[in-house]
Amino acid sequence: MKEVSGRELARILEKNGWKLARIRGSHHVYIKEGRIERISIPIHGNKPLKMGLLRHFLKLAGIKKVDLSK
């Protein structure tokens, strides 16, 4: 899987229907209508997210790994 920064993941979430609810410090919190999950993404410049954290976010959001390359 390719490395993805928090900023890139935020764009991917927005393309998949997630909306930015609030920003608290360097964490952007995303919500989606009809879902109880909230996703809090750390945005630290263009620093890539760690693989385990990225996999967790993708699983919560229901996004497949192949969607990252689009």
PDB file of N, CA and C in Angstrom:
ATOM      1  N   MET A   1       0.845  -1.171   0.000  1.00  0.00           N
ATOM      2  CA  MET A   1       0.000   0.000   0.000  1.00  0.00           C
ATOM      3  C   MET A   1       0.892   1.237   0.000  1.00  0.00           C
ATOM      4  N   LYS A   2       0.489   2.250  -0.771  1.00  0.00           N
ATOM      5  CA  LYS A   2       1.313   3.458  -0.841  1.00  0.00           C
ATOM      6  C   LYS A   2       1.131   4.316   0.399  1.00  0.00           C
ATOM      7  N   GLU A   3       2.127   5.133   0.683  1.00  0.00           N
ATOM      8  CA  GLU A   3       2.049   6.042   1.830  1.00  0.00           C
ATOM      9  C   GLU A   3       1.092   7.176   1.517  1.00  0.00           C
ATOM     10  N   VAL A   4       0.300   7.543   2.513  1.00  0.00           N
ATOM     11  CA  VAL A   4      -0.694   8.599   2.352  1.00  0.00           C
ATOM     12  C   VAL A   4      -0.573   9.541   3.545  1.00  0.00           C
ATOM     13  N   SER A   5      -0.559  10.833   3.270  1.00  0.00           N
ATOM     14  CA  SER A   5      -0.519  11.810   4.365  1.00  0.00           C
ATOM     15  C   SER A   5      -1.941  12.025   4.895  1.00  0.00           C
ATOM     16  N   GLY A   6      -2.038  12.647   6.044  1.00  0.00           N
ATOM     17  CA  GLY A   6      -3.343  12.947   6.612  1.00  0.00           C
ATOM     18  C   GLY A   6      -4.150  13.861   5.707  1.00  0.00           C
ATOM     19  N   ARG A   7      -3.483  14.803   5.084  1.00  0.00           N
ATOM     20  CA  ARG A   7      -4.150  15.739   4.168  1.00  0.00           C
ATOM     21  C   ARG A   7      -4.743  15.003   2.962  1.00  0.00           C
ATOM     22  N   GLU A   8      -3.970  14.040   2.407  1.00  0.00           N
ATOM     23  CA  GLU A   8      -4.466  13.257   1.269  1.00  0.00           C
ATOM     24  C   GLU A   8      -5.657  12.396   1.678  1.00  0.00           C
ATOM     25  N   LEU A   9      -5.574  11.779   2.855  1.00  0.00           N
ATOM     26  CA  LEU A   9      -6.675  10.948   3.333  1.00  0.00           C
ATOM     27  C   LEU A   9      -7.927  11.786   3.544  1.00  0.00           C
ATOM     28  N   ALA A  10      -7.777  13.009   4.020  1.00  0.00           N
ATOM     29  CA  ALA A  10      -8.923  13.899   4.202  1.00  0.00           C
ATOM     30  C   ALA A  10      -9.620  14.149   2.865  1.00  0.00           C
ATOM     31  N   ARG A  11      -8.854  14.359   1.808  1.00  0.00           N
ATOM     32  CA  ARG A  11      -9.438  14.562   0.470  1.00  0.00           C
ATOM     33  C   ARG A  11     -10.185  13.312   0.002  1.00  0.00           C
ATOM     34  N   ILE A  12      -9.591  12.139   0.267  1.00  0.00           N
ATOM     35  CA  ILE A  12     -10.219  10.878  -0.132  1.00  0.00           C
ATOM     36  C   ILE A  12     -11.538  10.682   0.614  1.00  0.00           C
ATOM     37  N   LEU A  13     -11.554  10.991   1.906  1.00  0.00           N
ATOM     38  CA  LEU A  13     -12.788  10.868   2.683  1.00  0.00           C
ATOM     39  C   LEU A  13     -13.874  11.790   2.140  1.00  0.00           C
ATOM     40  N   GLU A  14     -13.504  13.016   1.817  1.00  0.00           N
ATOM     41  CA  GLU A  14     -14.486  13.972   1.300  1.00  0.00           C
ATOM     42  C   GLU A  14     -15.066  13.508  -0.035  1.00  0.00           C
ATOM     43  N   LYS A  15     -14.250  12.873  -0.863  1.00  0.00           N
ATOM     44  CA  LYS A  15     -14.749  12.339  -2.135  1.00  0.00           C
ATOM     45  C   LYS A  15     -15.719  11.192  -1.916  1.00  0.00           C
ATOM     46  N   ASN A  16     -15.618  10.522  -0.767  1.00  0.00           N
ATOM     47  CA  ASN A  16     -16.484   9.393  -0.451  1.00  0.00           C
ATOM     48  C   ASN A  16     -17.653   9.767   0.454  1.00  0.00           C
ATOM     49  N   GLY A  17     -17.982  11.045   0.535  1.00  0.00           N
ATOM     50  CA  GLY A  17     -19.177  11.481   1.238  1.00  0.00           C
ATOM     51  C   GLY A  17     -19.002  11.878   2.688  1.00  0.00           C
ATOM     52  N   TRP A  18     -17.781  11.850   3.228  1.00  0.00           N
ATOM     53  CA  TRP A  18     -17.543  12.258   4.610  1.00  0.00           C
ATOM     54  C   TRP A  18     -17.430  13.776   4.653  1.00  0.00           C
ATOM     55  N   LYS A  19     -17.925  14.376   5.720  1.00  0.00           N
ATOM     56  CA  LYS A  19     -17.898  15.834   5.863  1.00  0.00           C
ATOM     57  C   LYS A  19     -17.070  16.229   7.082  1.00  0.00           C
ATOM     58  N   LEU A  20     -16.355  17.325   6.942  1.00  0.00           N
ATOM     59  CA  LEU A  20     -15.556  17.851   8.040  1.00  0.00           C
ATOM     60  C   LEU A  20     -16.485  18.447   9.092  1.00  0.00           C
ATOM     61  N   ALA A  21     -16.454  17.876  10.304  1.00  0.00           N
ATOM     62  CA  ALA A  21     -17.326  18.340  11.384  1.00  0.00           C
ATOM     63  C   ALA A  21     -16.659  19.456  12.174  1.00  0.00           C
ATOM     64  N   ARG A  22     -15.382  19.271  12.498  1.00  0.00           N
ATOM     65  CA  ARG A  22     -14.673  20.285  13.280  1.00  0.00           C
ATOM     66  C   ARG A  22     -13.173  20.025  13.198  1.00  0.00           C
ATOM     67  N   ILE A  23     -12.427  21.027  13.622  1.00  0.00           N
ATOM     68  CA  ILE A  23     -10.967  20.926  13.695  1.00  0.00           C
ATOM     69  C   ILE A  23     -10.575  21.276  15.121  1.00  0.00           C
ATOM     70  N   ARG A  24      -9.775  20.410  15.706  1.00  0.00           N
ATOM     71  CA  ARG A  24      -9.287  20.658  17.070  1.00  0.00           C
ATOM     72  C   ARG A  24      -7.778  20.482  17.037  1.00  0.00           C
ATOM     73  N   GLY A  25      -7.065  21.574  17.037  1.00  0.00           N
ATOM     74  CA  GLY A  25      -5.610  21.498  16.919  1.00  0.00           C
ATOM     75  C   GLY A  25      -5.227  20.996  15.537  1.00  0.00           C
ATOM     76  N   SER A  26      -4.466  19.911  15.498  1.00  0.00           N
ATOM     77  CA  SER A  26      -4.045  19.360  14.207  1.00  0.00           C
ATOM     78  C   SER A  26      -4.913  18.180  13.781  1.00  0.00           C
ATOM     79  N   HIS A  27      -6.008  17.922  14.490  1.00  0.00           N
ATOM     80  CA  HIS A  27      -6.882  16.794  14.160  1.00  0.00           C
ATOM     81  C   HIS A  27      -8.170  17.287  13.501  1.00  0.00           C
ATOM     82  N   HIS A  28      -8.462  16.723  12.344  1.00  0.00           N
ATOM     83  CA  HIS A  28      -9.684  17.042  11.622  1.00  0.00           C
ATOM     84  C   HIS A  28     -10.653  15.889  11.848  1.00  0.00           C
ATOM     85  N   VAL A  29     -11.851  16.190  12.310  1.00  0.00           N
ATOM     86  CA  VAL A  29     -12.842  15.167  12.632  1.00  0.00           C
ATOM     87  C   VAL A  29     -13.888  15.122  11.521  1.00  0.00           C
ATOM     88  N   TYR A  30     -14.066  13.925  10.942  1.00  0.00           N
ATOM     89  CA  TYR A  30     -15.003  13.726   9.844  1.00  0.00           C
ATOM     90  C   TYR A  30     -16.167  12.857  10.298  1.00  0.00           C
ATOM     91  N   ILE A  31     -17.363  13.191   9.790  1.00  0.00           N
ATOM     92  CA  ILE A  31     -18.566  12.412  10.071  1.00  0.00           C
ATOM     93  C   ILE A  31     -19.264  12.132   8.745  1.00  0.00           C
ATOM     94  N   LYS A  32     -20.174  11.140   8.776  1.00  0.00           N
ATOM     95  CA  LYS A  32     -20.957  10.819   7.584  1.00  0.00           C
ATOM     96  C   LYS A  32     -22.385  10.549   8.024  1.00  0.00           C
ATOM     97  N   GLU A  33     -23.324  11.097   7.294  1.00  0.00           N
ATOM     98  CA  GLU A  33     -24.736  10.929   7.606  1.00  0.00           C
ATOM     99  C   GLU A  33     -25.097   9.446   7.604  1.00  0.00           C
ATOM    100  N   GLY A  34     -25.829   9.031   8.641  1.00  0.00           N
ATOM    101  CA  GLY A  34     -26.257   7.641   8.742  1.00  0.00           C
ATOM    102  C   GLY A  34     -25.238   6.720   9.388  1.00  0.00           C
ATOM    103  N   ARG A  35     -24.087   7.246   9.780  1.00  0.00           N
ATOM    104  CA  ARG A  35     -23.037   6.440  10.423  1.00  0.00           C
ATOM    105  C   ARG A  35     -22.767   7.011  11.813  1.00  0.00           C
ATOM    106  N   ILE A  36     -22.445   6.128  12.758  1.00  0.00           N
ATOM    107  CA  ILE A  36     -22.141   6.601  14.108  1.00  0.00           C
ATOM    108  C   ILE A  36     -20.648   6.839  14.308  1.00  0.00           C
ATOM    109  N   GLU A  37     -19.827   6.324  13.389  1.00  0.00           N
ATOM    110  CA  GLU A  37     -18.379   6.482  13.515  1.00  0.00           C
ATOM    111  C   GLU A  37     -17.963   7.922  13.236  1.00  0.00           C
ATOM    112  N   ARG A  38     -16.911   8.334  13.917  1.00  0.00           N
ATOM    113  CA  ARG A  38     -16.231   9.598  13.640  1.00  0.00           C
ATOM    114  C   ARG A  38     -14.790   9.238  13.349  1.00  0.00           C
ATOM    115  N   ILE A  39     -14.198   9.919  12.410  1.00  0.00           N
ATOM    116  CA  ILE A  39     -12.806   9.665  12.067  1.00  0.00           C
ATOM    117  C   ILE A  39     -12.015  10.932  12.348  1.00  0.00           C
ATOM    118  N   SER A  40     -11.029  10.827  13.230  1.00  0.00           N
ATOM    119  CA  SER A  40     -10.194  11.954  13.623  1.00  0.00           C
ATOM    120  C   SER A  40      -8.814  11.774  13.007  1.00  0.00           C
ATOM    121  N   ILE A  41      -8.541  12.539  11.969  1.00  0.00           N
ATOM    122  CA  ILE A  41      -7.299  12.394  11.213  1.00  0.00           C
ATOM    123  C   ILE A  41      -6.269  13.417  11.675  1.00  0.00           C
ATOM    124  N   PRO A  42      -5.072  12.960  12.058  1.00  0.00           N
ATOM    125  CA  PRO A  42      -4.008  13.911  12.391  1.00  0.00           C
ATOM    126  C   PRO A  42      -3.407  14.492  11.112  1.00  0.00           C
ATOM    127  N   ILE A  43      -3.412  15.805  10.993  1.00  0.00           N
ATOM    128  CA  ILE A  43      -2.854  16.476   9.819  1.00  0.00           C
ATOM    129  C   ILE A  43      -1.565  17.156  10.271  1.00  0.00           C
ATOM    130  N   HIS A  44      -0.446  16.568   9.931  1.00  0.00           N
ATOM    131  CA  HIS A  44       0.861  17.112  10.302  1.00  0.00           C
ATOM    132  C   HIS A  44       1.662  17.362   9.034  1.00  0.00           C
ATOM    133  N   GLY A  45       1.288  18.395   8.308  1.00  0.00           N
ATOM    134  CA  GLY A  45       1.960  18.715   7.051  1.00  0.00           C
ATOM    135  C   GLY A  45       1.756  17.596   6.050  1.00  0.00           C
ATOM    136  N   ASN A  46       2.822  17.216   5.372  1.00  0.00           N
ATOM    137  CA  ASN A  46       2.746  16.125   4.405  1.00  0.00           C
ATOM    138  C   ASN A  46       3.368  14.853   4.945  1.00  0.00           C
ATOM    139  N   LYS A  47       3.462  14.745   6.260  1.00  0.00           N
ATOM    140  CA  LYS A  47       4.024  13.556   6.897  1.00  0.00           C
ATOM    141  C   LYS A  47       3.060  12.380   6.697  1.00  0.00           C
ATOM    142  N   PRO A  48       3.564  11.246   6.210  1.00  0.00           N
ATOM    143  CA  PRO A  48       2.658  10.106   5.960  1.00  0.00           C
ATOM    144  C   PRO A  48       2.142   9.492   7.257  1.00  0.00           C
ATOM    145  N   LEU A  49       0.912   8.975   7.178  1.00  0.00           N
ATOM    146  CA  LEU A  49       0.322   8.268   8.310  1.00  0.00           C
ATOM    147  C   LEU A  49       0.985   6.903   8.441  1.00  0.00           C
ATOM    148  N   LYS A  50       1.046   6.381   9.641  1.00  0.00           N
ATOM    149  CA  LYS A  50       1.582   5.039   9.839  1.00  0.00           C
ATOM    150  C   LYS A  50       0.598   4.033   9.243  1.00  0.00           C
ATOM    151  N   MET A  51       1.121   2.914   8.759  1.00  0.00           N
ATOM    152  CA  MET A  51       0.316   1.938   8.029  1.00  0.00           C
ATOM    153  C   MET A  51      -0.861   1.399   8.849  1.00  0.00           C
ATOM    154  N   GLY A  52      -0.635   1.084  10.107  1.00  0.00           N
ATOM    155  CA  GLY A  52      -1.718   0.546  10.938  1.00  0.00           C
ATOM    156  C   GLY A  52      -2.847   1.539  11.113  1.00  0.00           C
ATOM    157  N   LEU A  53      -2.503   2.800  11.319  1.00  0.00           N
ATOM    158  CA  LEU A  53      -3.502   3.856  11.472  1.00  0.00           C
ATOM    159  C   LEU A  53      -4.263   4.061  10.166  1.00  0.00           C
ATOM    160  N   LEU A  54      -3.557   4.053   9.051  1.00  0.00           N
ATOM    161  CA  LEU A  54      -4.187   4.208   7.739  1.00  0.00           C
ATOM    162  C   LEU A  54      -5.173   3.073   7.483  1.00  0.00           C
ATOM    163  N   ARG A  55      -4.751   1.834   7.759  1.00  0.00           N
ATOM    164  CA  ARG A  55      -5.641   0.678   7.573  1.00  0.00           C
ATOM    165  C   ARG A  55      -6.897   0.805   8.444  1.00  0.00           C
ATOM    166  N   HIS A  56      -6.720   1.264   9.674  1.00  0.00           N
ATOM    167  CA  HIS A  56      -7.845   1.443  10.593  1.00  0.00           C
ATOM    168  C   HIS A  56      -8.837   2.477  10.040  1.00  0.00           C
ATOM    169  N   PHE A  57      -8.324   3.602   9.572  1.00  0.00           N
ATOM    170  CA  PHE A  57      -9.196   4.635   9.010  1.00  0.00           C
ATOM    171  C   PHE A  57      -9.939   4.130   7.781  1.00  0.00           C
ATOM    172  N   LEU A  58      -9.245   3.399   6.910  1.00  0.00           N
ATOM    173  CA  LEU A  58      -9.884   2.877   5.707  1.00  0.00           C
ATOM    174  C   LEU A  58     -10.991   1.886   6.065  1.00  0.00           C
ATOM    175  N   LYS A  59     -10.750   1.055   7.065  1.00  0.00           N
ATOM    176  CA  LYS A  59     -11.754   0.088   7.502  1.00  0.00           C
ATOM    177  C   LYS A  59     -12.975   0.807   8.069  1.00  0.00           C
ATOM    178  N   LEU A  60     -12.752   1.822   8.907  1.00  0.00           N
ATOM    179  CA  LEU A  60     -13.868   2.596   9.474  1.00  0.00           C
ATOM    180  C   LEU A  60     -14.685   3.282   8.383  1.00  0.00           C
ATOM    181  N   ALA A  61     -14.005   3.830   7.394  1.00  0.00           N
ATOM    182  CA  ALA A  61     -14.671   4.597   6.340  1.00  0.00           C
ATOM    183  C   ALA A  61     -15.293   3.704   5.275  1.00  0.00           C
ATOM    184  N   GLY A  62     -14.907   2.428   5.251  1.00  0.00           N
ATOM    185  CA  GLY A  62     -15.431   1.527   4.226  1.00  0.00           C
ATOM    186  C   GLY A  62     -14.803   1.767   2.862  1.00  0.00           C
ATOM    187  N   ILE A  63     -13.542   2.176   2.855  1.00  0.00           N
ATOM    188  CA  ILE A  63     -12.822   2.463   1.617  1.00  0.00           C
ATOM    189  C   ILE A  63     -11.827   1.334   1.368  1.00  0.00           C
ATOM    190  N   LYS A  64     -11.779   0.865   0.122  1.00  0.00           N
ATOM    191  CA  LYS A  64     -10.851  -0.196  -0.235  1.00  0.00           C
ATOM    192  C   LYS A  64      -9.486   0.382  -0.571  1.00  0.00           C
ATOM    193  N   LYS A  65      -8.452  -0.432  -0.426  1.00  0.00           N
ATOM    194  CA  LYS A  65      -7.072   0.012  -0.690  1.00  0.00           C
ATOM    195  C   LYS A  65      -6.906   0.460  -2.134  1.00  0.00           C
ATOM    196  N   VAL A  66      -7.618  -0.172  -3.061  1.00  0.00           N
ATOM    197  CA  VAL A  66      -7.474   0.191  -4.471  1.00  0.00           C
ATOM    198  C   VAL A  66      -7.996   1.593  -4.748  1.00  0.00           C
ATOM    199  N   ASP A  67      -8.887   2.113  -3.897  1.00  0.00           N
ATOM    200  CA  ASP A  67      -9.424   3.471  -4.068  1.00  0.00           C
ATOM    201  C   ASP A  67      -8.385   4.536  -3.769  1.00  0.00           C
ATOM    202  N   LEU A  68      -7.280   4.164  -3.099  1.00  0.00           N
ATOM    203  CA  LEU A  68      -6.241   5.134  -2.785  1.00  0.00           C
ATOM    204  C   LEU A  68      -5.496   5.584  -4.037  1.00  0.00           C
ATOM    205  N   SER A  69      -5.430   4.730  -5.029  1.00  0.00           N
ATOM    206  CA  SER A  69      -4.654   5.063  -6.230  1.00  0.00           C
ATOM    207  C   SER A  69      -5.437   5.950  -7.190  1.00  0.00           C
ATOM    208  N   LYS A  70      -6.719   6.199  -6.937  1.00  0.00           N
ATOM    209  CA  LYS A  70      -7.533   7.005  -7.849  1.00  0.00           C
ATOM    210  C   LYS A  70      -7.386   8.469  -7.555  1.00  0.00           C
TER     211      LYS A  70
END
